[in-house]
Amino acid sequence: MDYYWLKFFIYVFEDDKYFNLLYSKFGIRIIIHPKENGHNTPHIHIQYQNKEVVCSLIDGSVIKGNIQHNKQKLAQEIVIQNMEFFRESWNDLVDGITV
């Protein structure tokens, strides 16, 4: 089995108890990891082509990571435009710090 098919099966059968997919379009995935340790700042994970950016739900700024510049800019615009939805999702999914 080649590497592509392995990645495909992992993607299809990922266990969603470890993350909640909030948005998926143009190859961009926006996710909250409710079981992640160390939730100090309310944030979401933005994934694109096996790279990731962690984005604050306080002001939409990048906390860490790096993805393709134009996709990062688009994702940050999506986060800012839908900030209330992402904050509500955070509060519903993560026990602990709320926004």
PDB file of N, CA and C in Angstrom:
ATOM      1  N   MET A   1       0.851  -1.169   0.000  1.00  0.00           N
ATOM      2  CA  MET A   1       0.000   0.000   0.000  1.00  0.00           C
ATOM      3  C   MET A   1       0.900   1.236   0.000  1.00  0.00           C
ATOM      4  N   ASP A   2       0.625   2.154  -0.902  1.00  0.00           N
ATOM      5  CA  ASP A   2       1.485   3.334  -0.930  1.00  0.00           C
ATOM      6  C   ASP A   2       1.049   4.370   0.112  1.00  0.00           C
ATOM      7  N   TYR A   3       1.879   5.348   0.293  1.00  0.00           N
ATOM      8  CA  TYR A   3       1.699   6.366   1.330  1.00  0.00           C
ATOM      9  C   TYR A   3       0.389   7.131   1.166  1.00  0.00           C
ATOM     10  N   TYR A   4      -0.005   7.436  -0.077  1.00  0.00           N
ATOM     11  CA  TYR A   4      -1.243   8.187  -0.327  1.00  0.00           C
ATOM     12  C   TYR A   4      -2.438   7.465   0.284  1.00  0.00           C
ATOM     13  N   TRP A   5      -2.560   6.163   0.027  1.00  0.00           N
ATOM     14  CA  TRP A   5      -3.709   5.419   0.532  1.00  0.00           C
ATOM     15  C   TRP A   5      -3.704   5.344   2.049  1.00  0.00           C
ATOM     16  N   LEU A   6      -2.552   5.240   2.636  1.00  0.00           N
ATOM     17  CA  LEU A   6      -2.459   5.234   4.089  1.00  0.00           C
ATOM     18  C   LEU A   6      -2.990   6.551   4.655  1.00  0.00           C
ATOM     19  N   LYS A   7      -2.543   7.670   4.065  1.00  0.00           N
ATOM     20  CA  LYS A   7      -3.039   8.979   4.507  1.00  0.00           C
ATOM     21  C   LYS A   7      -4.542   9.095   4.305  1.00  0.00           C
ATOM     22  N   PHE A   8      -5.033   8.561   3.184  1.00  0.00           N
ATOM     23  CA  PHE A   8      -6.466   8.615   2.895  1.00  0.00           C
ATOM     24  C   PHE A   8      -7.258   7.871   3.968  1.00  0.00           C
ATOM     25  N   PHE A   9      -6.827   6.651   4.319  1.00  0.00           N
ATOM     26  CA  PHE A   9      -7.543   5.876   5.327  1.00  0.00           C
ATOM     27  C   PHE A   9      -7.483   6.538   6.699  1.00  0.00           C
ATOM     28  N   ILE A  10      -6.357   7.121   7.029  1.00  0.00           N
ATOM     29  CA  ILE A  10      -6.260   7.838   8.304  1.00  0.00           C
ATOM     30  C   ILE A  10      -7.240   9.005   8.314  1.00  0.00           C
ATOM     31  N   TYR A  11      -7.320   9.736   7.207  1.00  0.00           N
ATOM     32  CA  TYR A  11      -8.235  10.884   7.110  1.00  0.00           C
ATOM     33  C   TYR A  11      -9.689  10.431   7.237  1.00  0.00           C
ATOM     34  N   VAL A  12     -10.055   9.363   6.524  1.00  0.00           N
ATOM     35  CA  VAL A  12     -11.439   8.898   6.512  1.00  0.00           C
ATOM     36  C   VAL A  12     -11.854   8.340   7.863  1.00  0.00           C
ATOM     37  N   PHE A  13     -10.945   7.615   8.512  1.00  0.00           N
ATOM     38  CA  PHE A  13     -11.312   6.927   9.741  1.00  0.00           C
ATOM     39  C   PHE A  13     -10.772   7.595  10.997  1.00  0.00           C
ATOM     40  N   GLU A  14     -10.416   8.885  10.908  1.00  0.00           N
ATOM     41  CA  GLU A  14      -9.934   9.588  12.092  1.00  0.00           C
ATOM     42  C   GLU A  14     -10.986   9.513  13.190  1.00  0.00           C
ATOM     43  N   ASP A  15     -10.527   9.379  14.394  1.00  0.00           N
ATOM     44  CA  ASP A  15     -11.417   9.294  15.539  1.00  0.00           C
ATOM     45  C   ASP A  15     -11.793  10.703  15.972  1.00  0.00           C
ATOM     46  N   ASP A  16     -13.057  11.083  15.756  1.00  0.00           N
ATOM     47  CA  ASP A  16     -13.469  12.455  16.017  1.00  0.00           C
ATOM     48  C   ASP A  16     -13.691  12.765  17.495  1.00  0.00           C
ATOM     49  N   LYS A  17     -13.404  11.810  18.394  1.00  0.00           N
ATOM     50  CA  LYS A  17     -13.503  12.156  19.811  1.00  0.00           C
ATOM     51  C   LYS A  17     -12.332  13.027  20.246  1.00  0.00           C
ATOM     52  N   TYR A  18     -11.292  13.126  19.416  1.00  0.00           N
ATOM     53  CA  TYR A  18     -10.127  13.924  19.748  1.00  0.00           C
ATOM     54  C   TYR A  18     -10.148  15.305  19.097  1.00  0.00           C
ATOM     55  N   PHE A  19     -11.096  15.547  18.204  1.00  0.00           N
ATOM     56  CA  PHE A  19     -11.208  16.864  17.586  1.00  0.00           C
ATOM     57  C   PHE A  19     -12.622  17.083  17.090  1.00  0.00           C
ATOM     58  N   ASN A  20     -12.997  18.322  16.889  1.00  0.00           N
ATOM     59  CA  ASN A  20     -14.267  18.685  16.286  1.00  0.00           C
ATOM     60  C   ASN A  20     -13.983  19.588  15.099  1.00  0.00           C
ATOM     61  N   LEU A  21     -14.380  19.145  13.935  1.00  0.00           N
ATOM     62  CA  LEU A  21     -14.192  19.901  12.708  1.00  0.00           C
ATOM     63  C   LEU A  21     -15.281  20.961  12.634  1.00  0.00           C
ATOM     64  N   LEU A  22     -14.872  22.221  12.595  1.00  0.00           N
ATOM     65  CA  LEU A  22     -15.824  23.322  12.542  1.00  0.00           C
ATOM     66  C   LEU A  22     -16.001  23.872  11.139  1.00  0.00           C
ATOM     67  N   TYR A  23     -14.966  23.713  10.294  1.00  0.00           N
ATOM     68  CA  TYR A  23     -15.004  24.292   8.952  1.00  0.00           C
ATOM     69  C   TYR A  23     -14.066  23.504   8.049  1.00  0.00           C
ATOM     70  N   SER A  24     -14.496  23.277   6.826  1.00  0.00           N
ATOM     71  CA  SER A  24     -13.640  22.611   5.858  1.00  0.00           C
ATOM     72  C   SER A  24     -14.031  23.081   4.461  1.00  0.00           C
ATOM     73  N   LYS A  25     -13.129  23.834   3.844  1.00  0.00           N
ATOM     74  CA  LYS A  25     -13.369  24.344   2.495  1.00  0.00           C
ATOM     75  C   LYS A  25     -12.048  24.829   1.921  1.00  0.00           C
ATOM     76  N   PHE A  26     -11.856  24.674   0.632  1.00  0.00           N
ATOM     77  CA  PHE A  26     -10.638  25.105  -0.067  1.00  0.00           C
ATOM     78  C   PHE A  26      -9.386  24.435   0.498  1.00  0.00           C
ATOM     79  N   GLY A  27      -9.534  23.243   1.073  1.00  0.00           N
ATOM     80  CA  GLY A  27      -8.394  22.542   1.649  1.00  0.00           C
ATOM     81  C   GLY A  27      -8.043  22.996   3.054  1.00  0.00           C
ATOM     82  N   ILE A  28      -8.760  23.965   3.562  1.00  0.00           N
ATOM     83  CA  ILE A  28      -8.529  24.493   4.911  1.00  0.00           C
ATOM     84  C   ILE A  28      -9.475  23.777   5.872  1.00  0.00           C
ATOM     85  N   ARG A  29      -8.919  23.305   6.974  1.00  0.00           N
ATOM     86  CA  ARG A  29      -9.717  22.699   8.035  1.00  0.00           C
ATOM     87  C   ARG A  29      -9.526  23.493   9.316  1.00  0.00           C
ATOM     88  N   ILE A  30     -10.625  23.849   9.964  1.00  0.00           N
ATOM     89  CA  ILE A  30     -10.578  24.564  11.236  1.00  0.00           C
ATOM     90  C   ILE A  30     -11.147  23.624  12.288  1.00  0.00           C
ATOM     91  N   ILE A  31     -10.324  23.372  13.318  1.00  0.00           N
ATOM     92  CA  ILE A  31     -10.606  22.316  14.279  1.00  0.00           C
ATOM     93  C   ILE A  31     -10.407  22.815  15.705  1.00  0.00           C
ATOM     94  N   ILE A  32     -11.211  22.282  16.613  1.00  0.00           N
ATOM     95  CA  ILE A  32     -10.967  22.431  18.050  1.00  0.00           C
ATOM     96  C   ILE A  32     -10.628  21.045  18.578  1.00  0.00           C
ATOM     97  N   HIS A  33      -9.570  20.971  19.374  1.00  0.00           N
ATOM     98  CA  HIS A  33      -9.182  19.716  20.029  1.00  0.00           C
ATOM     99  C   HIS A  33      -9.679  19.764  21.465  1.00  0.00           C
ATOM    100  N   PRO A  34     -10.867  19.223  21.758  1.00  0.00           N
ATOM    101  CA  PRO A  34     -11.405  19.334  23.117  1.00  0.00           C
ATOM    102  C   PRO A  34     -10.637  18.518  24.157  1.00  0.00           C
ATOM    103  N   LYS A  35      -9.895  17.507  23.742  1.00  0.00           N
ATOM    104  CA  LYS A  35      -9.155  16.663  24.691  1.00  0.00           C
ATOM    105  C   LYS A  35      -7.686  17.066  24.794  1.00  0.00           C
ATOM    106  N   GLU A  36      -7.314  18.165  24.161  1.00  0.00           N
ATOM    107  CA  GLU A  36      -5.922  18.611  24.161  1.00  0.00           C
ATOM    108  C   GLU A  36      -5.542  19.134  25.540  1.00  0.00           C
ATOM    109  N   ASN A  37      -4.354  18.801  25.993  1.00  0.00           N
ATOM    110  CA  ASN A  37      -3.863  19.292  27.280  1.00  0.00           C
ATOM    111  C   ASN A  37      -3.316  20.696  27.123  1.00  0.00           C
ATOM    112  N   GLY A  38      -3.388  21.485  28.189  1.00  0.00           N
ATOM    113  CA  GLY A  38      -2.755  22.791  28.199  1.00  0.00           C
ATOM    114  C   GLY A  38      -3.552  23.883  27.522  1.00  0.00           C
ATOM    115  N   HIS A  39      -4.878  23.825  27.607  1.00  0.00           N
ATOM    116  CA  HIS A  39      -5.683  24.891  27.028  1.00  0.00           C
ATOM    117  C   HIS A  39      -5.591  26.126  27.910  1.00  0.00           C
ATOM    118  N   ASN A  40      -4.618  26.963  27.621  1.00  0.00           N
ATOM    119  CA  ASN A  40      -4.436  28.190  28.393  1.00  0.00           C
ATOM    120  C   ASN A  40      -5.136  29.368  27.738  1.00  0.00           C
ATOM    121  N   THR A  41      -5.092  29.429  26.433  1.00  0.00           N
ATOM    122  CA  THR A  41      -5.738  30.493  25.683  1.00  0.00           C
ATOM    123  C   THR A  41      -6.759  29.859  24.757  1.00  0.00           C
ATOM    124  N   PRO A  42      -7.987  30.366  24.732  1.00  0.00           N
ATOM    125  CA  PRO A  42      -8.966  29.831  23.779  1.00  0.00           C
ATOM    126  C   PRO A  42      -8.429  29.962  22.350  1.00  0.00           C
ATOM    127  N   HIS A  43      -8.407  28.858  21.622  1.00  0.00           N
ATOM    128  CA  HIS A  43      -7.808  28.869  20.290  1.00  0.00           C
ATOM    129  C   HIS A  43      -8.400  27.774  19.409  1.00  0.00           C
ATOM    130  N   ILE A  44      -8.138  27.877  18.125  1.00  0.00           N
ATOM    131  CA  ILE A  44      -8.500  26.855  17.161  1.00  0.00           C
ATOM    132  C   ILE A  44      -7.266  26.494  16.359  1.00  0.00           C
ATOM    133  N   HIS A  45      -7.331  25.340  15.716  1.00  0.00           N
ATOM    134  CA  HIS A  45      -6.243  24.877  14.861  1.00  0.00           C
ATOM    135  C   HIS A  45      -6.692  25.002  13.413  1.00  0.00           C
ATOM    136  N   ILE A  46      -5.871  25.627  12.605  1.00  0.00           N
ATOM    137  CA  ILE A  46      -6.141  25.765  11.179  1.00  0.00           C
ATOM    138  C   ILE A  46      -5.131  24.890  10.454  1.00  0.00           C
ATOM    139  N   GLN A  47      -5.625  23.927   9.684  1.00  0.00           N
ATOM    140  CA  GLN A  47      -4.745  22.988   8.988  1.00  0.00           C
ATOM    141  C   GLN A  47      -4.876  23.179   7.476  1.00  0.00           C
ATOM    142  N   TYR A  48      -3.725  23.104   6.813  1.00  0.00           N
ATOM    143  CA  TYR A  48      -3.694  23.157   5.346  1.00  0.00           C
ATOM    144  C   TYR A  48      -2.450  22.402   4.881  1.00  0.00           C
ATOM    145  N   GLN A  49      -2.647  21.416   4.046  1.00  0.00           N
ATOM    146  CA  GLN A  49      -1.562  20.624   3.474  1.00  0.00           C
ATOM    147  C   GLN A  49      -0.545  20.155   4.520  1.00  0.00           C
ATOM    148  N   ASN A  50      -1.021  19.483   5.527  1.00  0.00           N
ATOM    149  CA  ASN A  50      -0.186  18.887   6.577  1.00  0.00           C
ATOM    150  C   ASN A  50       0.605  19.902   7.396  1.00  0.00           C
ATOM    151  N   LYS A  51       0.225  21.153   7.347  1.00  0.00           N
ATOM    152  CA  LYS A  51       0.818  22.174   8.217  1.00  0.00           C
ATOM    153  C   LYS A  51      -0.305  22.770   9.039  1.00  0.00           C
ATOM    154  N   GLU A  52       0.084  23.450  10.125  1.00  0.00           N
ATOM    155  CA  GLU A  52      -0.930  23.930  11.053  1.00  0.00           C
ATOM    156  C   GLU A  52      -0.557  25.282  11.642  1.00  0.00           C
ATOM    157  N   VAL A  53      -1.595  26.063  11.893  1.00  0.00           N
ATOM    158  CA  VAL A  53      -1.482  27.336  12.593  1.00  0.00           C
ATOM    159  C   VAL A  53      -2.466  27.280  13.755  1.00  0.00           C
ATOM    160  N   VAL A  54      -2.046  27.766  14.903  1.00  0.00           N
ATOM    161  CA  VAL A  54      -2.937  27.897  16.046  1.00  0.00           C
ATOM    162  C   VAL A  54      -3.334  29.361  16.134  1.00  0.00           C
ATOM    163  N   CYS A  55      -4.640  29.606  16.154  1.00  0.00           N
ATOM    164  CA  CYS A  55      -5.165  30.971  16.070  1.00  0.00           C
ATOM    165  C   CYS A  55      -5.980  31.281  17.327  1.00  0.00           C
ATOM    166  N   SER A  56      -5.759  32.443  17.906  1.00  0.00           N
ATOM    167  CA  SER A  56      -6.442  32.874  19.124  1.00  0.00           C
ATOM    168  C   SER A  56      -7.908  33.190  18.849  1.00  0.00           C
ATOM    169  N   LEU A  57      -8.766  32.796  19.794  1.00  0.00           N
ATOM    170  CA  LEU A  57     -10.171  33.173  19.705  1.00  0.00           C
ATOM    171  C   LEU A  57     -10.459  34.464  20.470  1.00  0.00           C
ATOM    172  N   ILE A  58      -9.414  35.104  20.945  1.00  0.00           N
ATOM    173  CA  ILE A  58      -9.565  36.402  21.587  1.00  0.00           C
ATOM    174  C   ILE A  58      -9.574  37.497  20.520  1.00  0.00           C
ATOM    175  N   ASP A  59      -8.563  37.463  19.648  1.00  0.00           N
ATOM    176  CA  ASP A  59      -8.444  38.520  18.639  1.00  0.00           C
ATOM    177  C   ASP A  59      -8.154  38.014  17.224  1.00  0.00           C
ATOM    178  N   GLY A  60      -8.077  36.701  17.032  1.00  0.00           N
ATOM    179  CA  GLY A  60      -7.821  36.148  15.709  1.00  0.00           C
ATOM    180  C   GLY A  60      -6.362  36.105  15.304  1.00  0.00           C
ATOM    181  N   SER A  61      -5.467  36.448  16.214  1.00  0.00           N
ATOM    182  CA  SER A  61      -4.036  36.461  15.887  1.00  0.00           C
ATOM    183  C   SER A  61      -3.459  35.048  15.891  1.00  0.00           C
ATOM    184  N   VAL A  62      -2.349  34.875  15.189  1.00  0.00           N
ATOM    185  CA  VAL A  62      -1.665  33.591  15.141  1.00  0.00           C
ATOM    186  C   VAL A  62      -0.813  33.427  16.393  1.00  0.00           C
ATOM    187  N   ILE A  63      -1.015  32.334  17.103  1.00  0.00           N
ATOM    188  CA  ILE A  63      -0.240  32.038  18.304  1.00  0.00           C
ATOM    189  C   ILE A  63       1.050  31.332  17.928  1.00  0.00           C
ATOM    190  N   LYS A  64       0.929  30.342  17.030  1.00  0.00           N
ATOM    191  CA  LYS A  64       2.120  29.641  16.545  1.00  0.00           C
ATOM    192  C   LYS A  64       1.775  28.916  15.260  1.00  0.00           C
ATOM    193  N   GLY A  65       2.799  28.542  14.529  1.00  0.00           N
ATOM    194  CA  GLY A  65       2.622  27.769  13.316  1.00  0.00           C
ATOM    195  C   GLY A  65       2.760  28.605  12.060  1.00  0.00           C
ATOM    196  N   ASN A  66       2.677  27.913  10.931  1.00  0.00           N
ATOM    197  CA  ASN A  66       2.840  28.582   9.657  1.00  0.00           C
ATOM    198  C   ASN A  66       2.235  27.715   8.557  1.00  0.00           C
ATOM    199  N   ILE A  67       1.358  28.292   7.758  1.00  0.00           N
ATOM    200  CA  ILE A  67       0.851  27.653   6.551  1.00  0.00           C
ATOM    201  C   ILE A  67       1.036  28.640   5.402  1.00  0.00           C
ATOM    202  N   GLN A  68       0.710  28.184   4.202  1.00  0.00           N
ATOM    203  CA  GLN A  68       0.848  29.046   3.028  1.00  0.00           C
ATOM    204  C   GLN A  68       0.180  30.393   3.297  1.00  0.00           C
ATOM    205  N   HIS A  69       0.877  31.498   2.983  1.00  0.00           N
ATOM    206  CA  HIS A  69       0.451  32.844   3.366  1.00  0.00           C
ATOM    207  C   HIS A  69      -0.980  33.170   2.929  1.00  0.00           C
ATOM    208  N   ASN A  70      -1.316  32.914   1.667  1.00  0.00           N
ATOM    209  CA  ASN A  70      -2.656  33.293   1.212  1.00  0.00           C
ATOM    210  C   ASN A  70      -3.744  32.456   1.884  1.00  0.00           C
ATOM    211  N   LYS A  71      -3.458  31.194   2.203  1.00  0.00           N
ATOM    212  CA  LYS A  71      -4.426  30.353   2.914  1.00  0.00           C
ATOM    213  C   LYS A  71      -4.548  30.775   4.368  1.00  0.00           C
ATOM    214  N   GLN A  72      -3.445  31.191   4.973  1.00  0.00           N
ATOM    215  CA  GLN A  72      -3.492  31.676   6.353  1.00  0.00           C
ATOM    216  C   GLN A  72      -4.326  32.952   6.433  1.00  0.00           C
ATOM    217  N   LYS A  73      -4.131  33.841   5.486  1.00  0.00           N
ATOM    218  CA  LYS A  73      -4.895  35.089   5.466  1.00  0.00           C
ATOM    219  C   LYS A  73      -6.390  34.802   5.291  1.00  0.00           C
ATOM    220  N   LEU A  74      -6.726  33.891   4.366  1.00  0.00           N
ATOM    221  CA  LEU A  74      -8.121  33.506   4.149  1.00  0.00           C
ATOM    222  C   LEU A  74      -8.708  32.878   5.412  1.00  0.00           C
ATOM    223  N   ALA A  75      -7.964  31.981   6.033  1.00  0.00           N
ATOM    224  CA  ALA A  75      -8.447  31.318   7.247  1.00  0.00           C
ATOM    225  C   ALA A  75      -8.660  32.320   8.375  1.00  0.00           C
ATOM    226  N   GLN A  76      -7.746  33.265   8.540  1.00  0.00           N
ATOM    227  CA  GLN A  76      -7.914  34.281   9.586  1.00  0.00           C
ATOM    228  C   GLN A  76      -9.144  35.143   9.308  1.00  0.00           C
ATOM    229  N   GLU A  77      -9.413  35.449   8.053  1.00  0.00           N
ATOM    230  CA  GLU A  77     -10.621  36.205   7.716  1.00  0.00           C
ATOM    231  C   GLU A  77     -11.868  35.403   8.075  1.00  0.00           C
ATOM    232  N   ILE A  78     -11.844  34.101   7.789  1.00  0.00           N
ATOM    233  CA  ILE A  78     -12.970  33.227   8.140  1.00  0.00           C
ATOM    234  C   ILE A  78     -13.169  33.206   9.647  1.00  0.00           C
ATOM    235  N   VAL A  79     -12.067  33.112  10.389  1.00  0.00           N
ATOM    236  CA  VAL A  79     -12.151  33.087  11.852  1.00  0.00           C
ATOM    237  C   VAL A  79     -12.745  34.394  12.373  1.00  0.00           C
ATOM    238  N   ILE A  80     -12.262  35.508  11.885  1.00  0.00           N
ATOM    239  CA  ILE A  80     -12.739  36.810  12.358  1.00  0.00           C
ATOM    240  C   ILE A  80     -14.215  37.017  12.009  1.00  0.00           C
ATOM    241  N   GLN A  81     -14.612  36.624  10.793  1.00  0.00           N
ATOM    242  CA  GLN A  81     -16.004  36.783  10.373  1.00  0.00           C
ATOM    243  C   GLN A  81     -16.957  35.886  11.153  1.00  0.00           C
ATOM    244  N   ASN A  82     -16.464  34.745  11.620  1.00  0.00           N
ATOM    245  CA  ASN A  82     -17.302  33.780  12.331  1.00  0.00           C
ATOM    246  C   ASN A  82     -16.869  33.598  13.779  1.00  0.00           C
ATOM    247  N   MET A  83     -16.275  34.633  14.338  1.00  0.00           N
ATOM    248  CA  MET A  83     -15.703  34.549  15.683  1.00  0.00           C
ATOM    249  C   MET A  83     -16.732  34.111  16.720  1.00  0.00           C
ATOM    250  N   GLU A  84     -17.935  34.620  16.655  1.00  0.00           N
ATOM    251  CA  GLU A  84     -18.954  34.267  17.644  1.00  0.00           C
ATOM    252  C   GLU A  84     -19.266  32.769  17.595  1.00  0.00           C
ATOM    253  N   PHE A  85     -19.403  32.214  16.402  1.00  0.00           N
ATOM    254  CA  PHE A  85     -19.648  30.780  16.260  1.00  0.00           C
ATOM    255  C   PHE A  85     -18.501  29.958  16.827  1.00  0.00           C
ATOM    256  N   PHE A  86     -17.255  30.349  16.506  1.00  0.00           N
ATOM    257  CA  PHE A  86     -16.101  29.605  16.999  1.00  0.00           C
ATOM    258  C   PHE A  86     -15.983  29.719  18.517  1.00  0.00           C
ATOM    259  N   ARG A  87     -16.300  30.877  19.070  1.00  0.00           N
ATOM    260  CA  ARG A  87     -16.255  31.034  20.534  1.00  0.00           C
ATOM    261  C   ARG A  87     -17.311  30.173  21.203  1.00  0.00           C
ATOM    262  N   GLU A  88     -18.521  30.166  20.638  1.00  0.00           N
ATOM    263  CA  GLU A  88     -19.585  29.323  21.203  1.00  0.00           C
ATOM    264  C   GLU A  88     -19.204  27.850  21.125  1.00  0.00           C
ATOM    265  N   SER A  89     -18.604  27.457  20.014  1.00  0.00           N
ATOM    266  CA  SER A  89     -18.163  26.070  19.858  1.00  0.00           C
ATOM    267  C   SER A  89     -17.102  25.727  20.891  1.00  0.00           C
ATOM    268  N   TRP A  90     -16.148  26.638  21.091  1.00  0.00           N
ATOM    269  CA  TRP A  90     -15.103  26.443  22.107  1.00  0.00           C
ATOM    270  C   TRP A  90     -15.748  26.228  23.470  1.00  0.00           C
ATOM    271  N   ASN A  91     -16.667  27.130  23.847  1.00  0.00           N
ATOM    272  CA  ASN A  91     -17.299  27.048  25.170  1.00  0.00           C
ATOM    273  C   ASN A  91     -18.081  25.751  25.347  1.00  0.00           C
ATOM    274  N   ASP A  92     -18.706  25.258  24.262  1.00  0.00           N
ATOM    275  CA  ASP A  92     -19.468  24.025  24.332  1.00  0.00           C
ATOM    276  C   ASP A  92     -18.583  22.786  24.434  1.00  0.00           C
ATOM    277  N   LEU A  93     -17.426  22.821  23.778  1.00  0.00           N
ATOM    278  CA  LEU A  93     -16.608  21.623  23.651  1.00  0.00           C
ATOM    279  C   LEU A  93     -15.508  21.465  24.687  1.00  0.00           C
ATOM    280  N   VAL A  94     -14.983  22.568  25.194  1.00  0.00           N
ATOM    281  CA  VAL A  94     -13.802  22.510  26.046  1.00  0.00           C
ATOM    282  C   VAL A  94     -14.191  22.815  27.484  1.00  0.00           C
ATOM    283  N   ASP A  95     -13.878  21.888  28.362  1.00  0.00           N
ATOM    284  CA  ASP A  95     -14.087  22.125  29.788  1.00  0.00           C
ATOM    285  C   ASP A  95     -12.926  22.962  30.301  1.00  0.00           C
ATOM    286  N   GLY A  96     -13.249  24.049  30.936  1.00  0.00           N
ATOM    287  CA  GLY A  96     -12.175  24.888  31.477  1.00  0.00           C
ATOM    288  C   GLY A  96     -12.376  26.337  31.092  1.00  0.00           C
ATOM    289  N   ILE A  97     -11.370  26.929  30.489  1.00  0.00           N
ATOM    290  CA  ILE A  97     -11.377  28.346  30.141  1.00  0.00           C
ATOM    291  C   ILE A  97     -12.415  28.622  29.072  1.00  0.00           C
ATOM    292  N   THR A  98     -13.262  29.606  29.303  1.00  0.00           N
ATOM    293  CA  THR A  98     -14.267  29.995  28.322  1.00  0.00           C
ATOM    294  C   THR A  98     -13.958  31.381  27.784  1.00  0.00           C
ATOM    295  N   VAL A  99     -14.531  31.666  26.629  1.00  0.00           N
ATOM    296  CA  VAL A  99     -14.335  32.978  26.002  1.00  0.00           C
ATOM    297  C   VAL A  99     -15.513  33.842  26.318  1.00  0.00           C
TER     298      VAL A  99
END
